[in-house]
């Protein structure tokens, strides 16, 4: 097990982004503070079965950000600098406080080579999905499951896989639509994580 922790860290001129008119732009937040810890480890349960785990807590906030994106859905009057809004004390977009995951891997040798089975469960805390930190647009906490069954022989590998096995709908970002919205329209365009997917992959290692 490998725990890591420390005193809160402050960073000046934190590179921050906004989504405007269908494209990302990068600016600077005056100062951010990040405090938290992380721990990870590996446990050999049997000769063939291994468990990996990790957990992290990261409380990332704008200590001072006077040039943040103003809320386009509420038409908030700028209260910061240079036409921006004061987002001091808020969490940046897509910055969950808690994250964790657990993986189990079974590996064994057979007559033609090796095979393995792997399952991974991860959990992510809720987070806001707009650069303006609009509290109405957040992603709830969610779990993410992946599975792998594979075999290796000589220079070859064949893997059957499933990602997002429970078909979770996860939003990474909500933004104003690219097209011109009608007055009073508070709809958003949402950028999503991939839905459930599965497949078969064949690799040749030279």
Protein backbone atom coordinates (compact mmCIF):
# COMPACT_ATOMS: atom_id res chain seq x y z
CA UNK A 1 0.00 0.00 0.00
CA UNK A 2 1.31 3.41 -0.96
CA UNK A 3 -0.38 6.41 0.71
CA UNK A 4 0.48 9.94 -0.34
CA UNK A 5 -0.65 13.11 1.37
CA UNK A 6 0.62 16.56 2.18
CA UNK A 7 -0.20 20.15 2.96
CA UNK A 8 -2.66 22.07 0.74
CA UNK A 9 -0.92 23.29 -2.39
CA UNK A 10 -1.57 26.66 -4.00
CA UNK A 11 -0.82 27.33 -7.65
CA UNK A 12 -0.66 30.76 -9.28
CA UNK A 13 -1.77 31.38 -12.88
CA UNK A 14 -3.60 28.07 -13.17
CA UNK A 15 -4.42 27.36 -16.81
CA UNK A 16 -8.17 27.22 -17.08
CA UNK A 17 -10.46 26.67 -20.06
CA UNK A 18 -13.85 27.76 -21.31
CA UNK A 19 -16.04 26.53 -24.14
CA UNK A 20 -17.15 29.44 -26.33
CA UNK A 21 -18.78 29.36 -29.74
CA UNK A 22 -18.01 25.71 -30.42
CA UNK A 23 -14.35 25.83 -29.42
CA UNK A 24 -12.19 25.63 -26.31
CA UNK A 25 -10.22 28.64 -25.16
CA UNK A 26 -7.56 28.71 -22.46
CA UNK A 27 -7.06 31.44 -19.87
CA UNK A 28 -5.58 31.81 -16.40
CA UNK A 29 -7.19 31.57 -12.99
CA UNK A 30 -5.24 33.77 -10.57
CA UNK A 31 -4.82 31.09 -7.92
CA UNK A 32 -6.12 27.60 -7.11
CA UNK A 33 -5.77 25.47 -3.99
CA UNK A 34 -5.67 21.69 -3.95
CA UNK A 35 -5.74 19.58 -0.81
CA UNK A 36 -6.19 15.86 -0.47
CA UNK A 37 -4.51 12.48 -0.44
CA UNK A 38 -4.25 9.27 -2.40
CA UNK A 39 -3.52 5.65 -1.55
CA UNK A 40 -2.94 2.65 -3.77
CA UNK A 41 -1.85 -0.92 -3.32
CA UNK A 42 -1.64 -4.45 -4.67
CA UNK A 43 -2.58 -7.63 -2.82
CA UNK A 44 -1.63 -11.14 -3.97
CA UNK A 45 -4.71 -13.12 -2.89
CA UNK A 46 -3.52 -16.45 -4.32
CA UNK A 47 -0.77 -17.58 -6.68
CA UNK A 48 -3.05 -16.68 -9.59
CA UNK A 49 -5.35 -13.96 -8.24
CA UNK A 50 -4.20 -10.34 -7.72
CA UNK A 51 -6.18 -7.35 -6.44
CA UNK A 52 -5.26 -3.73 -7.14
CA UNK A 53 -6.95 -0.80 -5.44
CA UNK A 54 -6.68 2.98 -5.31
CA UNK A 55 -8.55 5.82 -3.63
CA UNK A 56 -8.00 9.56 -3.89
CA UNK A 57 -9.46 12.73 -2.43
CA UNK A 58 -8.73 16.03 -4.18
CA UNK A 59 -10.50 19.22 -3.09
CA UNK A 60 -9.57 21.56 -5.95
CA UNK A 61 -11.01 25.07 -5.69
CA UNK A 62 -10.44 28.49 -7.18
CA UNK A 63 -8.75 30.44 -4.42
CA UNK A 64 -8.96 33.52 -6.66
CA UNK A 65 -10.49 33.61 -10.12
CA UNK A 66 -11.83 36.98 -11.26
CA UNK A 67 -11.85 36.17 -14.99
CA UNK A 68 -14.06 33.08 -15.01
CA UNK A 69 -16.78 32.37 -17.54
CA UNK A 70 -20.06 34.08 -16.64
CA UNK A 71 -23.11 31.85 -16.50
CA UNK A 72 -24.58 31.93 -20.04
CA UNK A 73 -27.79 30.27 -18.88
CA UNK A 74 -28.66 32.86 -16.22
CA UNK A 75 -27.26 35.94 -17.94
CA UNK A 76 -25.30 36.88 -14.81
CA UNK A 77 -23.78 40.35 -14.90
CA UNK A 78 -19.95 40.27 -14.84
CA UNK A 79 -18.63 40.85 -11.32
CA UNK A 80 -14.96 40.11 -11.95
CA UNK A 81 -12.32 41.66 -14.17
CA UNK A 82 -12.17 42.20 -17.93
CA UNK A 83 -15.77 41.16 -18.44
CA UNK A 84 -15.33 37.94 -16.48
CA UNK A 85 -17.10 36.64 -13.39
CA UNK A 86 -15.75 35.99 -9.90
CA UNK A 87 -15.62 32.20 -9.41
CA UNK A 88 -13.46 32.34 -6.27
CA UNK A 89 -14.31 29.49 -3.91
CA UNK A 90 -15.88 27.33 -6.64
CA UNK A 91 -14.69 23.98 -7.98
CA UNK A 92 -13.41 23.88 -11.59
CA UNK A 93 -15.32 21.86 -14.15
CA UNK A 94 -15.04 18.07 -14.02
CA UNK A 95 -13.20 18.01 -10.69
CA UNK A 96 -14.71 15.28 -8.46
CA UNK A 97 -13.48 15.21 -4.87
CA UNK A 98 -13.45 11.43 -4.44
CA UNK A 99 -12.37 8.67 -6.84
CA UNK A 100 -11.64 5.01 -6.29
CA UNK A 101 -11.19 1.74 -8.12
CA UNK A 102 -10.67 -1.97 -7.49
CA UNK A 103 -9.36 -4.51 -10.00
CA UNK A 104 -9.18 -8.31 -9.84
CA UNK A 105 -6.89 -10.23 -12.21
CA UNK A 106 -6.67 -13.99 -12.61
CA UNK A 107 -3.70 -15.31 -14.62
CA UNK A 108 -2.72 -18.86 -15.38
CA UNK A 109 -0.71 -20.95 -17.84
CA UNK A 110 -2.22 -23.57 -20.15
CA UNK A 111 -0.84 -25.85 -22.87
CA UNK A 112 -0.82 -23.20 -25.62
CA UNK A 113 0.32 -20.20 -23.54
CA UNK A 114 -1.18 -17.90 -20.90
CA UNK A 115 -4.69 -16.60 -20.25
CA UNK A 116 -6.13 -13.95 -17.96
CA UNK A 117 -9.43 -12.58 -16.71
CA UNK A 118 -9.65 -9.01 -15.49
CA UNK A 119 -12.51 -7.02 -13.96
CA UNK A 120 -12.28 -3.37 -12.92
CA UNK A 121 -14.78 -1.33 -10.92
CA UNK A 122 -14.27 2.40 -10.48
CA UNK A 123 -16.35 5.03 -8.72
CA UNK A 124 -16.34 8.79 -9.28
CA UNK A 125 -17.89 11.42 -7.02
CA UNK A 126 -20.27 14.07 -8.35
CA UNK A 127 -18.85 17.12 -10.13
CA UNK A 128 -20.03 20.21 -11.98
CA UNK A 129 -20.13 20.06 -15.78
CA UNK A 130 -19.99 23.75 -16.79
CA UNK A 131 -17.04 26.13 -16.86
CA UNK A 132 -19.28 28.72 -15.19
CA UNK A 133 -19.90 26.30 -12.24
CA UNK A 134 -23.69 26.53 -12.75
CA UNK A 135 -25.09 24.44 -9.84
CA UNK A 136 -28.00 23.24 -11.99
CA UNK A 137 -25.68 21.25 -14.24
CA UNK A 138 -23.83 18.49 -12.39
CA UNK A 139 -22.94 14.87 -12.99
CA UNK A 140 -24.08 12.56 -10.19
CA UNK A 141 -21.63 10.06 -8.75
CA UNK A 142 -21.35 6.93 -10.87
CA UNK A 143 -19.70 3.52 -11.18
CA UNK A 144 -17.85 2.23 -14.23
CA UNK A 145 -17.31 -1.48 -14.95
CA UNK A 146 -14.90 -3.02 -17.47
CA UNK A 147 -14.04 -6.64 -18.19
CA UNK A 148 -11.25 -8.37 -20.15
CA UNK A 149 -10.72 -12.02 -21.07
CA UNK A 150 -7.52 -12.68 -22.98
CA UNK A 151 -4.94 -15.19 -23.98
CA UNK A 152 -1.30 -14.88 -25.11
CA UNK A 153 0.83 -17.30 -27.08
CA UNK A 154 4.10 -16.76 -28.90
CA UNK A 155 3.86 -13.16 -30.24
CA UNK A 156 0.06 -13.06 -30.32
CA UNK A 157 -2.70 -11.87 -28.01
CA UNK A 158 -6.48 -12.21 -28.33
CA UNK A 159 -8.74 -10.19 -26.01
CA UNK A 160 -12.52 -10.06 -25.60
CA UNK A 161 -13.57 -6.89 -23.78
CA UNK A 162 -16.54 -4.92 -22.44
CA UNK A 163 -16.37 -1.26 -21.39
CA UNK A 164 -19.06 0.55 -19.39
CA UNK A 165 -20.79 -2.78 -18.79
CA UNK A 166 -23.76 -1.21 -16.97
CA UNK A 167 -24.25 1.37 -19.76
CA UNK A 168 -23.97 4.42 -17.52
CA UNK A 169 -24.80 7.81 -19.06
CA UNK A 170 -22.00 10.10 -17.92
CA UNK A 171 -21.66 13.78 -18.85
CA UNK A 172 -18.18 15.30 -18.93
CA UNK A 173 -19.20 18.80 -20.09
CA UNK A 174 -22.36 20.87 -20.63
CA UNK A 175 -22.08 23.92 -22.87
CA UNK A 176 -24.16 26.42 -24.81
CA UNK A 177 -25.33 24.93 -28.15
CA UNK A 178 -23.20 25.77 -31.18
CA UNK A 179 -26.24 27.08 -33.02
CA UNK A 180 -27.85 30.35 -31.97
CA UNK A 181 -30.35 29.64 -29.20
CA UNK A 182 -33.69 31.39 -28.95
CA UNK A 183 -34.20 33.99 -26.20
CA UNK A 184 -34.89 32.26 -22.90
CA UNK A 185 -33.60 28.92 -24.20
CA UNK A 186 -31.60 27.23 -21.41
CA UNK A 187 -30.82 24.02 -23.29
CA UNK A 188 -27.28 22.70 -23.47
CA UNK A 189 -25.16 20.44 -25.61
CA UNK A 190 -23.76 17.62 -23.49
CA UNK A 191 -20.50 15.78 -24.13
CA UNK A 192 -20.83 12.17 -22.96
CA UNK A 193 -18.55 9.29 -22.06
CA UNK A 194 -18.91 6.32 -24.46
CA UNK A 195 -21.93 4.03 -23.88
CA UNK A 196 -21.58 0.30 -23.34
CA UNK A 197 -19.17 -1.11 -25.91
CA UNK A 198 -17.65 -4.50 -26.52
CA UNK A 199 -15.37 -6.18 -29.00
CA UNK A 200 -12.59 -8.57 -29.84
CA UNK A 201 -9.00 -7.37 -30.27
CA UNK A 202 -6.15 -9.29 -31.86
CA UNK A 203 -2.56 -8.08 -31.40
CA UNK A 204 0.74 -9.13 -32.88
CA UNK A 205 3.82 -8.11 -30.86
CA UNK A 206 6.96 -7.91 -32.99
